[in-house]
């Protein structure tokens, strides 16, 4: 058999093996299809739910003030040699991001990790970031809180040139005691700030040697980003992040990355395809790292705040088909937030504490 054909056959065999790996991270969904025979009772008030419509989906929520205005934020910051100016831009414009949270009296936790996942750094938060970057610290001394973030966000430029932001976030959650940081009832926002794409292996180190070995073995004919996607697809990471919350739709990955770059080489993957995919899979924001940081952080802050006070849907609806019921009565005091795929009630029209909220729709 031709040696090149043998290589291709072996590679395809491994590809099929790896692609069959499944993730079982997802918690139980809070939606269901309303199909013929379902015995849903919405008999009171204006409740024109079509029980026998097989295309209709139902998602249910309970109004809980403790779950609103609450967010856990993990910053994943690239600390490779090219990031000095970008870290400075983040620090200098941080106030526009955090001022909205402070003004709205949000309950927030923040931590910072870098994309450097070498053994001595993997999963380790920037010292004191968990303890000092939270709403309690901001209330106690707002000026010092902001100065602490500005200092901690400038993580330096001596980190590993092989950026592994997705793995850095996963290892942070797995390797630290986060009982006081990661709250089941809070929104989770993972914010990546970096100028090169991700090269994470889901099972930490064990697959990187395999992936890079295949890159060499195949003579570079299959681009390195494609190999990483085959062996460690982005969906493994996003499924894992979403498993950390009771409603996976309340988890988002936001990417402030180098969208325009396209340089690819061994050890260097410019661009941001994997980070962008992580954001797309979780309804997160995607912004160009070379753009105005003030505007980027302002928009990101608004997006996170809006989701924190909304009801995030797990399925994507046809907006024209959405109907909302509060305690089985039809409500019109809401709007659909397409960017977050969420239902947001108008100011002053929020349901009472403990109210039962049902949203029906047809999928796109």
Protein backbone atom coordinates (compact mmCIF):
# COMPACT_ATOMS: atom_id res chain seq x y z
CA UNK A 1 0.00 0.00 0.00
CA UNK A 2 1.18 3.53 -0.79
CA UNK A 3 2.73 5.10 2.36
CA UNK A 4 0.77 8.34 1.94
CA UNK A 5 -2.44 6.36 1.59
CA UNK A 6 -1.63 4.49 4.79
CA UNK A 7 -1.19 7.82 6.59
CA UNK A 8 -4.50 9.08 5.28
CA UNK A 9 -6.31 5.88 6.24
CA UNK A 10 -4.92 5.97 9.78
CA UNK A 11 -5.76 9.65 10.13
CA UNK A 12 -9.34 9.14 8.98
CA UNK A 13 -9.73 6.22 11.39
CA UNK A 14 -8.56 8.37 14.29
CA UNK A 15 -10.78 11.22 13.14
CA UNK A 16 -13.85 8.99 13.22
CA UNK A 17 -12.89 7.70 16.67
CA UNK A 18 -12.37 11.16 18.14
CA UNK A 19 -15.43 12.67 16.49
CA UNK A 20 -17.61 10.04 18.17
CA UNK A 21 -16.66 11.33 21.62
CA UNK A 22 -19.74 12.75 23.31
CA UNK A 23 -20.16 15.17 26.14
CA UNK A 24 -22.69 14.46 28.89
CA UNK A 25 -22.31 17.75 30.70
CA UNK A 26 -25.69 19.32 30.07
CA UNK A 27 -28.08 19.65 32.99
CA UNK A 28 -31.75 18.84 32.54
CA UNK A 29 -33.40 21.20 30.07
CA UNK A 30 -36.14 23.56 31.18
CA UNK A 31 -37.97 23.33 27.87
CA UNK A 32 -40.21 20.74 26.26
CA UNK A 33 -42.09 20.24 23.06
CA UNK A 34 -45.86 20.45 23.37
CA UNK A 35 -47.09 17.52 21.35
CA UNK A 36 -50.40 15.83 20.78
CA UNK A 37 -51.62 14.16 23.92
CA UNK A 38 -49.84 16.48 26.36
CA UNK A 39 -52.12 17.40 29.23
CA UNK A 40 -51.05 21.00 29.82
CA UNK A 41 -53.71 23.03 31.64
CA UNK A 42 -53.73 26.75 30.90
CA UNK A 43 -57.42 27.19 31.46
CA UNK A 44 -57.49 30.52 33.29
CA UNK A 45 -57.46 33.89 31.59
CA UNK A 46 -56.25 34.58 28.05
CA UNK A 47 -54.39 31.34 27.41
CA UNK A 48 -54.62 30.37 23.78
CA UNK A 49 -51.80 27.80 23.88
CA UNK A 50 -52.26 25.23 21.15
CA UNK A 51 -51.87 21.99 23.04
CA UNK A 52 -51.91 19.79 19.96
CA UNK A 53 -49.34 21.71 17.92
CA UNK A 54 -46.26 19.46 17.49
CA UNK A 55 -44.14 22.44 16.43
CA UNK A 56 -44.76 24.43 19.62
CA UNK A 57 -42.12 24.56 22.35
CA UNK A 58 -42.56 25.55 25.97
CA UNK A 59 -39.90 26.92 28.33
CA UNK A 60 -40.76 27.53 31.99
CA UNK A 61 -39.26 29.86 34.60
CA UNK A 62 -39.93 31.15 38.10
CA UNK A 63 -39.47 34.81 38.98
CA UNK A 64 -36.64 34.85 41.51
CA UNK A 65 -35.12 38.20 42.48
CA UNK A 66 -32.04 36.43 43.85
CA UNK A 67 -31.16 35.25 40.34
CA UNK A 68 -31.37 38.72 38.82
CA UNK A 69 -28.62 41.32 38.82
CA UNK A 70 -26.17 38.56 39.71
CA UNK A 71 -23.18 37.58 37.56
CA UNK A 72 -19.89 35.69 37.86
CA UNK A 73 -17.25 36.93 35.40
CA UNK A 74 -14.03 35.17 34.45
CA UNK A 75 -11.54 37.24 32.45
CA UNK A 76 -9.19 35.12 30.33
CA UNK A 77 -6.36 37.42 29.26
CA UNK A 78 -3.61 36.55 26.78
CA UNK A 79 -0.21 37.21 28.38
CA UNK A 80 1.96 36.50 25.35
CA UNK A 81 4.59 38.92 24.05
CA UNK A 82 2.30 40.89 21.70
CA UNK A 83 -0.37 41.79 24.25
CA UNK A 84 1.10 44.73 26.21
CA UNK A 85 -0.89 47.49 24.51
CA UNK A 86 -4.09 45.47 24.54
CA UNK A 87 -3.87 44.83 28.28
CA UNK A 88 -3.29 48.53 28.83
CA UNK A 89 -6.34 49.37 26.70
CA UNK A 90 -8.46 46.98 28.76
CA UNK A 91 -7.27 48.51 32.02
CA UNK A 92 -7.71 52.09 30.86
CA UNK A 93 -11.30 51.52 29.72
CA UNK A 94 -12.46 49.23 32.50
CA UNK A 95 -14.53 51.92 34.20
CA UNK A 96 -17.06 52.10 31.36
CA UNK A 97 -17.59 48.36 31.75
CA UNK A 98 -17.99 48.25 35.51
CA UNK A 99 -19.83 51.54 36.11
CA UNK A 100 -23.08 50.08 34.75
CA UNK A 101 -22.85 47.19 37.21
CA UNK A 102 -22.15 49.51 40.12
CA UNK A 103 -24.96 51.91 39.19
CA UNK A 104 -27.43 49.03 38.86
CA UNK A 105 -26.25 47.59 42.20
CA UNK A 106 -25.39 44.28 40.60
CA UNK A 107 -24.02 41.44 42.71
CA UNK A 108 -20.89 40.40 40.83
CA UNK A 109 -17.80 38.25 41.27
CA UNK A 110 -14.77 38.50 39.01
CA UNK A 111 -11.54 36.59 38.58
CA UNK A 112 -8.66 36.75 36.12
CA UNK A 113 -6.62 33.96 34.54
CA UNK A 114 -4.13 33.99 31.69
CA UNK A 115 -3.98 31.86 28.54
CA UNK A 116 -0.71 30.32 29.79
CA UNK A 117 -1.47 26.71 30.77
CA UNK A 118 2.01 25.43 31.45
CA UNK A 119 1.98 23.24 34.58
CA UNK A 120 3.14 25.98 36.95
CA UNK A 121 0.40 28.36 35.77
CA UNK A 122 -2.55 26.26 34.59
CA UNK A 123 -5.86 27.21 36.17
CA UNK A 124 -4.31 29.60 38.67
CA UNK A 125 -6.13 32.92 39.08
CA UNK A 126 -4.17 36.14 39.24
CA UNK A 127 -3.29 36.50 42.94
CA UNK A 128 -6.08 38.17 44.96
CA UNK A 129 -8.33 38.64 41.95
CA UNK A 130 -11.11 36.47 43.42
CA UNK A 131 -10.87 38.17 46.79
CA UNK A 132 -10.65 41.77 45.60
CA UNK A 133 -12.69 41.93 42.39
CA UNK A 134 -16.29 41.71 43.54
CA UNK A 135 -19.25 43.94 44.31
CA UNK A 136 -18.55 43.95 48.06
CA UNK A 137 -15.07 45.35 47.42
CA UNK A 138 -16.50 47.95 45.02
CA UNK A 139 -19.03 49.08 47.62
CA UNK A 140 -16.37 49.33 50.31
CA UNK A 141 -13.90 51.38 48.24
CA UNK A 142 -14.83 51.94 44.61
CA UNK A 143 -11.62 53.76 43.69
CA UNK A 144 -9.38 51.05 45.13
CA UNK A 145 -11.48 48.32 43.49
CA UNK A 146 -11.02 49.90 40.06
CA UNK A 147 -7.31 50.41 40.64
CA UNK A 148 -6.96 46.77 41.67
CA UNK A 149 -8.56 45.58 38.44
CA UNK A 150 -6.44 47.89 36.31
CA UNK A 151 -3.31 46.51 37.94
CA UNK A 152 -4.35 42.85 37.86
CA UNK A 153 -5.57 42.97 34.25
CA UNK A 154 -2.09 43.88 33.05
CA UNK A 155 -0.88 40.32 33.42
CA UNK A 156 2.42 40.85 31.63
CA UNK A 157 3.84 39.60 28.35
CA UNK A 158 6.09 36.75 29.40
CA UNK A 159 3.49 34.03 28.99
CA UNK A 160 3.48 31.02 26.71
CA UNK A 161 3.13 31.83 23.00
CA UNK A 162 0.75 28.88 22.56
CA UNK A 163 -2.49 30.40 23.80
CA UNK A 164 -5.02 28.05 25.39
CA UNK A 165 -7.82 30.27 26.58
CA UNK A 166 -10.59 27.66 26.46
CA UNK A 167 -8.49 25.22 28.47
CA UNK A 168 -7.41 27.96 30.90
CA UNK A 169 -11.06 28.66 31.75
CA UNK A 170 -11.92 24.97 32.13
CA UNK A 171 -8.90 24.29 34.35
CA UNK A 172 -9.73 27.34 36.49
CA UNK A 173 -13.16 25.90 37.24
CA UNK A 174 -11.80 22.41 37.89
CA UNK A 175 -8.72 23.20 39.98
CA UNK A 176 -9.98 25.81 42.43
CA UNK A 177 -12.36 25.87 45.38
CA UNK A 178 -14.98 28.21 43.94
CA UNK A 179 -17.85 27.81 46.39
CA UNK A 180 -17.92 31.56 47.02
CA UNK A 181 -17.18 32.56 43.43
CA UNK A 182 -19.21 30.32 41.15
CA UNK A 183 -22.89 30.53 42.11
CA UNK A 184 -25.49 28.26 40.55
CA UNK A 185 -28.10 31.02 40.38
CA UNK A 186 -25.83 33.66 38.79
CA UNK A 187 -25.13 34.39 35.15
CA UNK A 188 -21.68 33.17 34.05
CA UNK A 189 -19.71 35.35 31.63
CA UNK A 190 -16.31 34.22 30.34
CA UNK A 191 -14.52 37.12 28.64
CA UNK A 192 -11.53 36.25 26.44
CA UNK A 193 -9.10 39.03 25.52
CA UNK A 194 -6.39 37.89 23.11
CA UNK A 195 -4.76 38.42 19.73
CA UNK A 196 -4.18 34.77 18.67
CA UNK A 197 -6.49 31.82 18.34
CA UNK A 198 -7.00 29.01 20.80
CA UNK A 199 -4.92 25.81 20.81
CA UNK A 200 -6.57 24.02 23.71
CA UNK A 201 -6.84 20.27 24.13
CA UNK A 202 -9.91 19.37 26.15
CA UNK A 203 -8.10 16.80 28.28
CA UNK A 204 -5.41 19.32 29.15
CA UNK A 205 -1.95 18.13 28.05
CA UNK A 206 -2.53 14.63 26.81
CA UNK A 207 -3.79 15.56 23.36
CA UNK A 208 -1.49 18.44 22.47
CA UNK A 209 1.44 16.20 21.70
CA UNK A 210 -0.83 14.03 19.57
CA UNK A 211 -2.23 17.01 17.65
CA UNK A 212 1.13 18.65 17.03
CA UNK A 213 2.61 15.26 16.16
CA UNK A 214 -0.02 14.75 13.50
CA UNK A 215 0.66 18.22 12.14
CA UNK A 216 4.32 17.30 11.64
CA UNK A 217 3.53 13.79 10.42
CA UNK A 218 1.15 15.10 7.77
CA UNK A 219 3.73 17.63 6.65
CA UNK A 220 1.55 20.59 7.51
CA UNK A 221 -0.93 19.74 4.77
CA UNK A 222 -3.83 19.93 7.18
CA UNK A 223 -3.82 23.32 8.97
CA UNK A 224 -3.22 23.18 12.71
CA UNK A 225 -6.56 24.87 13.58
CA UNK A 226 -8.42 22.12 11.73
CA UNK A 227 -6.52 19.44 13.66
CA UNK A 228 -7.43 21.07 16.97
CA UNK A 229 -11.05 21.23 15.89
CA UNK A 230 -11.01 17.52 15.02
CA UNK A 231 -9.38 16.32 18.24
CA UNK A 232 -10.77 18.93 20.66
CA UNK A 233 -13.89 20.55 19.19
CA UNK A 234 -14.96 23.83 20.74
CA UNK A 235 -18.34 22.37 21.67
CA UNK A 236 -16.66 20.17 24.30
CA UNK A 237 -15.57 23.31 26.14
CA UNK A 238 -18.83 25.23 25.77
CA UNK A 239 -20.85 22.19 26.89
CA UNK A 240 -18.64 21.95 29.96
CA UNK A 241 -19.03 25.65 30.82
CA UNK A 242 -22.80 25.43 30.42
CA UNK A 243 -22.94 22.44 32.75
CA UNK A 244 -21.81 24.72 35.58
CA UNK A 245 -25.19 26.48 35.73
CA UNK A 246 -28.70 25.13 36.11
CA UNK A 247 -29.77 26.89 32.90
CA UNK A 248 -27.09 26.53 30.19
CA UNK A 249 -28.51 29.56 28.36
CA UNK A 250 -27.21 31.72 31.25
CA UNK A 251 -23.61 30.98 30.27
CA UNK A 252 -21.87 33.06 27.62
CA UNK A 253 -18.35 33.24 26.20
CA UNK A 254 -17.45 36.73 24.97
CA UNK A 255 -14.49 37.20 22.66
CA UNK A 256 -12.43 40.37 22.24
CA UNK A 257 -10.04 38.95 19.68
CA UNK A 258 -8.04 39.46 16.51
CA UNK A 259 -10.78 38.75 14.01
CA UNK A 260 -9.01 40.01 10.91
CA UNK A 261 -5.66 38.18 11.20
CA UNK A 262 -5.10 34.98 9.24
CA UNK A 263 -1.47 33.97 9.85
CA UNK A 264 -1.12 30.25 10.62
CA UNK A 265 2.05 28.38 11.51
CA UNK A 266 3.42 25.85 13.95
CA UNK A 267 2.94 27.24 17.44
CA UNK A 268 1.28 30.40 16.16
CA UNK A 269 -2.36 30.61 15.13
CA UNK A 270 -3.41 34.18 14.50
CA UNK A 271 -7.06 34.96 14.02
CA UNK A 272 -9.77 33.76 16.37
CA UNK A 273 -11.89 31.03 14.76
CA UNK A 274 -12.17 28.85 17.87
CA UNK A 275 -12.90 31.73 20.24
CA UNK A 276 -15.48 33.10 17.79
CA UNK A 277 -17.14 29.69 17.60
CA UNK A 278 -17.30 29.51 21.41
CA UNK A 279 -19.09 32.87 21.43
CA UNK A 280 -21.46 31.82 18.66
CA UNK A 281 -22.35 28.59 20.49
CA UNK A 282 -23.21 30.52 23.67
CA UNK A 283 -24.76 33.71 22.24
CA UNK A 284 -21.75 35.70 23.40
CA UNK A 285 -20.38 38.97 22.05
CA UNK A 286 -17.62 39.06 19.42
CA UNK A 287 -15.46 42.19 19.10
CA UNK A 288 -12.28 43.13 17.27
CA UNK A 289 -9.39 43.66 19.67
CA UNK A 290 -8.03 46.48 17.49
CA UNK A 291 -11.28 48.46 17.78
CA UNK A 292 -12.08 51.15 20.34
CA UNK A 293 -11.98 49.41 23.74
CA UNK A 294 -14.28 52.01 25.29
CA UNK A 295 -17.11 51.18 22.88
CA UNK A 296 -16.41 47.43 23.04
CA UNK A 297 -16.53 47.28 26.84
CA UNK A 298 -19.59 49.52 27.02
CA UNK A 299 -21.52 47.23 24.66
CA UNK A 300 -20.30 44.12 26.47
CA UNK A 301 -21.37 45.50 29.83
CA UNK A 302 -24.85 46.24 28.49
CA UNK A 303 -25.19 42.77 26.98
CA UNK A 304 -24.24 41.06 30.26
CA UNK A 305 -26.51 43.30 32.32
CA UNK A 306 -29.48 42.80 29.99
CA UNK A 307 -29.15 39.02 30.19
CA UNK A 308 -28.85 39.12 33.98
CA UNK A 309 -32.35 40.62 34.25
CA UNK A 310 -33.89 38.51 31.49
CA UNK A 311 -35.13 34.96 30.98
CA UNK A 312 -32.71 33.21 28.64
CA UNK A 313 -34.21 30.73 26.20
CA UNK A 314 -32.44 27.48 25.37
CA UNK A 315 -34.05 27.13 21.93
CA UNK A 316 -34.07 29.78 19.20
CA UNK A 317 -37.65 30.94 18.52
CA UNK A 318 -39.43 32.42 15.59
CA UNK A 319 -39.91 35.86 17.19
CA UNK A 320 -43.35 36.27 15.64
CA UNK A 321 -44.58 33.10 17.36
CA UNK A 322 -43.56 33.97 20.94
CA UNK A 323 -46.23 34.16 23.62
CA UNK A 324 -45.59 34.80 27.32
CA UNK A 325 -47.77 33.78 30.25
CA UNK A 326 -47.41 34.89 33.86
CA UNK A 327 -49.28 32.66 36.30
CA UNK A 328 -51.20 31.33 33.27
CA UNK A 329 -52.34 34.81 32.17
CA UNK A 330 -51.19 36.17 28.83
CA UNK A 331 -48.65 38.99 29.24
CA UNK A 332 -47.72 41.69 26.74
CA UNK A 333 -45.28 43.56 29.01
CA UNK A 334 -42.11 42.13 27.51
CA UNK A 335 -39.74 42.24 24.58
CA UNK A 336 -37.57 39.67 22.85
CA UNK A 337 -33.83 40.38 23.13
CA UNK A 338 -32.48 38.74 20.00
CA UNK A 339 -28.81 39.29 20.85
CA UNK A 340 -29.21 37.32 24.09
CA UNK A 341 -32.07 35.07 22.92
CA UNK A 342 -34.01 36.10 26.00
CA UNK A 343 -37.34 37.48 27.20
CA UNK A 344 -37.04 40.77 29.09
CA UNK A 345 -39.97 42.37 30.90
CA UNK A 346 -40.40 46.13 30.69
CA UNK A 347 -39.18 48.32 33.54
CA UNK A 348 -41.74 48.31 36.31
CA UNK A 349 -43.61 45.39 34.72
CA UNK A 350 -41.58 42.53 36.13
CA UNK A 351 -43.65 39.63 37.50
CA UNK A 352 -44.04 39.31 41.24
CA UNK A 353 -41.64 37.16 43.24
CA UNK A 354 -42.42 33.48 42.77
CA UNK A 355 -44.55 34.02 39.67
CA UNK A 356 -44.70 31.15 37.19
CA UNK A 357 -43.55 32.24 33.72
CA UNK A 358 -44.17 30.20 30.59
CA UNK A 359 -42.90 31.05 27.12
CA UNK A 360 -44.23 29.26 24.06
CA UNK A 361 -42.88 29.55 20.53
CA UNK A 362 -42.11 27.80 17.31
CA UNK A 363 -38.47 27.22 16.47
CA UNK A 364 -36.83 28.98 13.58
